Amino acid sequence: MQDVLLFSYGTLRQPDVQIALFGRMVEGTADAMIGWRSRMIEITDAEVIAKSGTRWHPMVEPSESDDDSVEGMVFRISQADLASADAYEVDYVRREVRLRSDLTAWVYGDPEG
Protein backbone atom coordinates (compact mmCIF):
# COMPACT_ATOMS: atom_id res chain seq x y z
CA MET A 1 0.00 0.00 0.00
CA GLN A 2 1.33 3.44 -0.94
CA ASP A 3 2.26 6.05 1.67
CA VAL A 4 0.52 9.42 1.73
CA LEU A 5 1.69 12.90 2.72
CA LEU A 6 0.02 14.63 5.66
CA PHE A 7 0.72 18.25 6.60
CA SER A 8 0.31 19.17 10.27
CA TYR A 9 0.36 22.62 11.83
CA GLY A 10 -1.03 21.55 15.20
CA THR A 11 -1.37 18.67 17.61
CA LEU A 12 -0.45 15.91 15.13
CA ARG A 13 3.14 17.13 15.60
CA GLN A 14 3.03 16.29 19.34
CA PRO A 15 4.90 13.10 20.32
CA ASP A 16 2.12 11.93 22.68
CA VAL A 17 -0.53 12.38 19.98
CA GLN A 18 1.57 10.53 17.38
CA ILE A 19 2.16 7.62 19.75
CA ALA A 20 -1.56 7.47 20.65
CA LEU A 21 -2.63 7.52 16.99
CA PHE A 22 0.17 5.76 15.11
CA GLY A 23 1.87 3.73 17.83
CA ARG A 24 5.18 5.46 17.07
CA MET A 25 6.80 8.81 16.38
CA VAL A 26 6.80 9.92 12.74
CA GLU A 27 9.52 12.15 11.33
CA GLY A 28 8.60 15.09 9.19
CA THR A 29 10.02 17.91 7.13
CA ALA A 30 9.29 21.58 7.71
CA ASP A 31 6.97 23.10 5.10
CA ALA A 32 4.17 25.66 4.88
CA MET A 33 0.75 26.33 3.36
CA ILE A 34 0.84 29.62 1.43
CA GLY A 35 -2.37 31.67 1.28
CA TRP A 36 -3.78 30.17 4.50
CA ARG A 37 -4.13 31.50 8.06
CA SER A 38 -4.83 29.88 11.41
CA ARG A 39 -7.03 30.62 14.39
CA MET A 40 -7.74 28.78 17.64
CA ILE A 41 -10.91 26.76 18.22
CA GLU A 42 -12.27 25.01 21.28
CA ILE A 43 -12.49 21.21 21.01
CA THR A 44 -15.26 19.45 22.95
CA ASP A 45 -14.47 15.80 22.17
CA ALA A 46 -13.15 14.27 25.42
CA GLU A 47 -10.95 11.68 23.65
CA VAL A 48 -9.25 14.33 21.52
CA ILE A 49 -8.65 16.53 24.57
CA ALA A 50 -7.21 13.56 26.48
CA LYS A 51 -4.78 12.72 23.65
CA SER A 52 -3.69 16.30 22.96
CA GLY A 53 -3.72 17.60 26.52
CA THR A 54 -5.66 20.74 25.59
CA ARG A 55 -9.09 21.81 24.45
CA TRP A 56 -7.69 24.67 22.31
CA HIS A 57 -6.45 23.60 18.87
CA PRO A 58 -5.40 25.57 15.80
CA MET A 59 -7.66 25.55 12.74
CA VAL A 60 -6.63 26.64 9.23
CA GLU A 61 -8.75 28.44 6.70
CA PRO A 62 -8.03 29.94 3.29
CA SER A 63 -6.81 33.52 3.33
CA GLU A 64 -7.37 36.22 0.76
CA SER A 65 -3.66 37.09 0.88
CA ASP A 66 -0.71 35.12 -0.48
CA ASP A 67 1.33 36.91 2.22
CA ASP A 68 -0.37 34.69 4.81
CA SER A 69 1.09 31.27 5.51
CA VAL A 70 0.84 28.48 8.04
CA GLU A 71 4.07 26.76 9.06
CA GLY A 72 4.12 23.08 9.95
CA MET A 73 5.52 19.66 9.14
CA VAL A 74 4.80 17.24 6.33
CA PHE A 75 4.79 13.56 7.28
CA ARG A 76 4.90 10.45 5.09
CA ILE A 77 2.42 8.01 6.65
CA SER A 78 0.45 4.88 5.72
CA GLN A 79 -3.21 4.72 4.73
CA ALA A 80 -3.90 3.08 8.11
CA ASP A 81 -2.21 6.03 9.86
CA LEU A 82 -4.35 8.42 7.82
CA ALA A 83 -7.49 6.56 8.94
CA SER A 84 -6.35 6.95 12.58
CA ALA A 85 -5.79 10.67 12.01
CA ASP A 86 -9.26 10.94 10.42
CA ALA A 87 -10.81 9.42 13.55
CA TYR A 88 -8.91 11.91 15.74
CA GLU A 89 -9.66 15.06 13.72
CA VAL A 90 -13.40 15.06 14.42
CA ASP A 91 -13.89 18.84 14.14
CA TYR A 92 -11.95 19.16 10.87
CA VAL A 93 -12.32 18.29 7.20
CA ARG A 94 -9.45 16.64 5.33
CA ARG A 95 -8.51 18.17 1.98
CA GLU A 96 -5.51 18.23 -0.34
CA VAL A 97 -3.33 21.33 -0.46
CA ARG A 98 -0.23 22.41 -2.36
CA LEU A 99 2.65 23.27 -0.03
CA ARG A 100 5.46 25.81 -0.37
CA SER A 101 7.73 22.89 -1.39
CA ASP A 102 5.32 22.19 -4.29
CA LEU A 103 4.32 18.87 -2.68
CA THR A 104 0.64 18.01 -2.43
CA ALA A 105 -0.45 16.75 0.99
CA TRP A 106 -3.57 16.13 3.03
CA VAL A 107 -4.38 18.69 5.72
CA TYR A 108 -7.18 19.01 8.27
CA GLY A 109 -8.90 22.38 8.22
CA ASP A 110 -12.05 24.40 8.60
CA PRO A 111 -15.15 22.53 7.39
CA GLU A 112 -16.48 25.87 6.08
CA GLY A 113 -13.28 26.78 4.19
C-alpha atoms as a PDB file:
ATOM      1  CA  MET A   1       0.000   0.000   0.000  1.00  0.00           C
ATOM      2  CA  GLN A   2       1.333   3.442  -0.940  1.00  0.00           C
ATOM      3  CA  ASP A   3       2.260   6.050   1.674  1.00  0.00           C
ATOM      4  CA  VAL A   4       0.522   9.424   1.728  1.00  0.00           C
ATOM      5  CA  LEU A   5       1.686  12.899   2.721  1.00  0.00           C
ATOM      6  CA  LEU A   6       0.021  14.627   5.657  1.00  0.00           C
ATOM      7  CA  PHE A   7       0.719  18.246   6.600  1.00  0.00           C
ATOM      8  CA  SER A   8       0.309  19.170  10.268  1.00  0.00           C
ATOM      9  CA  TYR A   9       0.359  22.616  11.834  1.00  0.00           C
ATOM     10  CA  GLY A  10      -1.027  21.550  15.205  1.00  0.00           C
ATOM     11  CA  THR A  11      -1.373  18.666  17.613  1.00  0.00           C
ATOM     12  CA  LEU A  12      -0.455  15.913  15.126  1.00  0.00           C
ATOM     13  CA  ARG A  13       3.141  17.130  15.603  1.00  0.00           C
ATOM     14  CA  GLN A  14       3.032  16.291  19.337  1.00  0.00           C
ATOM     15  CA  PRO A  15       4.903  13.097  20.321  1.00  0.00           C
ATOM     16  CA  ASP A  16       2.122  11.927  22.676  1.00  0.00           C
ATOM     17  CA  VAL A  17      -0.529  12.378  19.975  1.00  0.00           C
ATOM     18  CA  GLN A  18       1.573  10.529  17.382  1.00  0.00           C
ATOM     19  CA  ILE A  19       2.155   7.620  19.749  1.00  0.00           C
ATOM     20  CA  ALA A  20      -1.564   7.474  20.646  1.00  0.00           C
ATOM     21  CA  LEU A  21      -2.634   7.523  16.986  1.00  0.00           C
ATOM     22  CA  PHE A  22       0.169   5.758  15.111  1.00  0.00           C
ATOM     23  CA  GLY A  23       1.874   3.729  17.828  1.00  0.00           C
ATOM     24  CA  ARG A  24       5.180   5.464  17.068  1.00  0.00           C
ATOM     25  CA  MET A  25       6.802   8.810  16.375  1.00  0.00           C
ATOM     26  CA  VAL A  26       6.801   9.923  12.741  1.00  0.00           C
ATOM     27  CA  GLU A  27       9.521  12.149  11.334  1.00  0.00           C
ATOM     28  CA  GLY A  28       8.604  15.088   9.193  1.00  0.00           C
ATOM     29  CA  THR A  29      10.018  17.905   7.130  1.00  0.00           C
ATOM     30  CA  ALA A  30       9.293  21.583   7.711  1.00  0.00           C
ATOM     31  CA  ASP A  31       6.974  23.105   5.101  1.00  0.00           C
ATOM     32  CA  ALA A  32       4.172  25.661   4.879  1.00  0.00           C
ATOM     33  CA  MET A  33       0.754  26.330   3.361  1.00  0.00           C
ATOM     34  CA  ILE A  34       0.838  29.619   1.427  1.00  0.00           C
ATOM     35  CA  GLY A  35      -2.375  31.667   1.280  1.00  0.00           C
ATOM     36  CA  TRP A  36      -3.775  30.165   4.497  1.00  0.00           C
ATOM     37  CA  ARG A  37      -4.129  31.496   8.060  1.00  0.00           C
ATOM     38  CA  SER A  38      -4.827  29.883  11.407  1.00  0.00           C
ATOM     39  CA  ARG A  39      -7.034  30.620  14.391  1.00  0.00           C
ATOM     40  CA  MET A  40      -7.735  28.777  17.635  1.00  0.00           C
ATOM     41  CA  ILE A  41     -10.914  26.763  18.216  1.00  0.00           C
ATOM     42  CA  GLU A  42     -12.272  25.009  21.278  1.00  0.00           C
ATOM     43  CA  ILE A  43     -12.493  21.214  21.009  1.00  0.00           C
ATOM     44  CA  THR A  44     -15.259  19.453  22.949  1.00  0.00           C
ATOM     45  CA  ASP A  45     -14.474  15.797  22.174  1.00  0.00           C
ATOM     46  CA  ALA A  46     -13.149  14.274  25.421  1.00  0.00           C
ATOM     47  CA  GLU A  47     -10.945  11.683  23.653  1.00  0.00           C
ATOM     48  CA  VAL A  48      -9.247  14.326  21.515  1.00  0.00           C
ATOM     49  CA  ILE A  49      -8.652  16.533  24.571  1.00  0.00           C
ATOM     50  CA  ALA A  50      -7.207  13.556  26.476  1.00  0.00           C
ATOM     51  CA  LYS A  51      -4.780  12.719  23.653  1.00  0.00           C
ATOM     52  CA  SER A  52      -3.695  16.295  22.962  1.00  0.00           C
ATOM     53  CA  GLY A  53      -3.717  17.600  26.523  1.00  0.00           C
ATOM     54  CA  THR A  54      -5.657  20.736  25.586  1.00  0.00           C
ATOM     55  CA  ARG A  55      -9.093  21.807  24.449  1.00  0.00           C
ATOM     56  CA  TRP A  56      -7.686  24.667  22.305  1.00  0.00           C
ATOM     57  CA  HIS A  57      -6.450  23.603  18.870  1.00  0.00           C
ATOM     58  CA  PRO A  58      -5.404  25.574  15.803  1.00  0.00           C
ATOM     59  CA  MET A  59      -7.664  25.552  12.736  1.00  0.00           C
ATOM     60  CA  VAL A  60      -6.628  26.644   9.235  1.00  0.00           C
ATOM     61  CA  GLU A  61      -8.748  28.438   6.705  1.00  0.00           C
ATOM     62  CA  PRO A  62      -8.030  29.936   3.285  1.00  0.00           C
ATOM     63  CA  SER A  63      -6.815  33.521   3.329  1.00  0.00           C
ATOM     64  CA  GLU A  64      -7.375  36.224   0.757  1.00  0.00           C
ATOM     65  CA  SER A  65      -3.657  37.090   0.880  1.00  0.00           C
ATOM     66  CA  ASP A  66      -0.706  35.120  -0.476  1.00  0.00           C
ATOM     67  CA  ASP A  67       1.333  36.910   2.218  1.00  0.00           C
ATOM     68  CA  ASP A  68      -0.372  34.687   4.811  1.00  0.00           C
ATOM     69  CA  SER A  69       1.089  31.266   5.506  1.00  0.00           C
ATOM     70  CA  VAL A  70       0.838  28.478   8.041  1.00  0.00           C
ATOM     71  CA  GLU A  71       4.074  26.761   9.062  1.00  0.00           C
ATOM     72  CA  GLY A  72       4.120  23.085   9.951  1.00  0.00           C
ATOM     73  CA  MET A  73       5.516  19.659   9.140  1.00  0.00           C
ATOM     74  CA  VAL A  74       4.801  17.243   6.327  1.00  0.00           C
ATOM     75  CA  PHE A  75       4.786  13.560   7.280  1.00  0.00           C
ATOM     76  CA  ARG A  76       4.901  10.445   5.088  1.00  0.00           C
ATOM     77  CA  ILE A  77       2.415   8.008   6.652  1.00  0.00           C
ATOM     78  CA  SER A  78       0.453   4.884   5.717  1.00  0.00           C
ATOM     79  CA  GLN A  79      -3.208   4.717   4.731  1.00  0.00           C
ATOM     80  CA  ALA A  80      -3.904   3.079   8.110  1.00  0.00           C
ATOM     81  CA  ASP A  81      -2.206   6.026   9.859  1.00  0.00           C
ATOM     82  CA  LEU A  82      -4.347   8.417   7.823  1.00  0.00           C
ATOM     83  CA  ALA A  83      -7.489   6.559   8.942  1.00  0.00           C
ATOM     84  CA  SER A  84      -6.350   6.953  12.578  1.00  0.00           C
ATOM     85  CA  ALA A  85      -5.793  10.674  12.012  1.00  0.00           C
ATOM     86  CA  ASP A  86      -9.259  10.945  10.417  1.00  0.00           C
ATOM     87  CA  ALA A  87     -10.814   9.425  13.549  1.00  0.00           C
ATOM     88  CA  TYR A  88      -8.912  11.906  15.744  1.00  0.00           C
ATOM     89  CA  GLU A  89      -9.655  15.063  13.719  1.00  0.00           C
ATOM     90  CA  VAL A  90     -13.399  15.060  14.420  1.00  0.00           C
ATOM     91  CA  ASP A  91     -13.893  18.839  14.136  1.00  0.00           C
ATOM     92  CA  TYR A  92     -11.952  19.156  10.875  1.00  0.00           C
ATOM     93  CA  VAL A  93     -12.318  18.288   7.199  1.00  0.00           C
ATOM     94  CA  ARG A  94      -9.446  16.640   5.328  1.00  0.00           C
ATOM     95  CA  ARG A  95      -8.508  18.171   1.981  1.00  0.00           C
ATOM     96  CA  GLU A  96      -5.511  18.228  -0.335  1.00  0.00           C
ATOM     97  CA  VAL A  97      -3.329  21.326  -0.465  1.00  0.00           C
ATOM     98  CA  ARG A  98      -0.231  22.414  -2.359  1.00  0.00           C
ATOM     99  CA  LEU A  99       2.647  23.267  -0.025  1.00  0.00           C
ATOM    100  CA  ARG A 100       5.458  25.811  -0.369  1.00  0.00           C
ATOM    101  CA  SER A 101       7.734  22.890  -1.393  1.00  0.00           C
ATOM    102  CA  ASP A 102       5.316  22.191  -4.294  1.00  0.00           C
ATOM    103  CA  LEU A 103       4.321  18.875  -2.683  1.00  0.00           C
ATOM    104  CA  THR A 104       0.640  18.007  -2.430  1.00  0.00           C
ATOM    105  CA  ALA A 105      -0.453  16.750   0.992  1.00  0.00           C
ATOM    106  CA  TRP A 106      -3.572  16.130   3.029  1.00  0.00           C
ATOM    107  CA  VAL A 107      -4.376  18.692   5.724  1.00  0.00           C
ATOM    108  CA  TYR A 108      -7.177  19.005   8.266  1.00  0.00           C
ATOM    109  CA  GLY A 109      -8.898  22.379   8.223  1.00  0.00           C
ATOM    110  CA  ASP A 110     -12.046  24.398   8.602  1.00  0.00           C
ATOM    111  CA  PRO A 111     -15.149  22.533   7.387  1.00  0.00           C
ATOM    112  CA  GLU A 112     -16.475  25.865   6.075  1.00  0.00           C
ATOM    113  CA  GLY A 113     -13.278  26.782   4.189  1.00  0.00           C
END
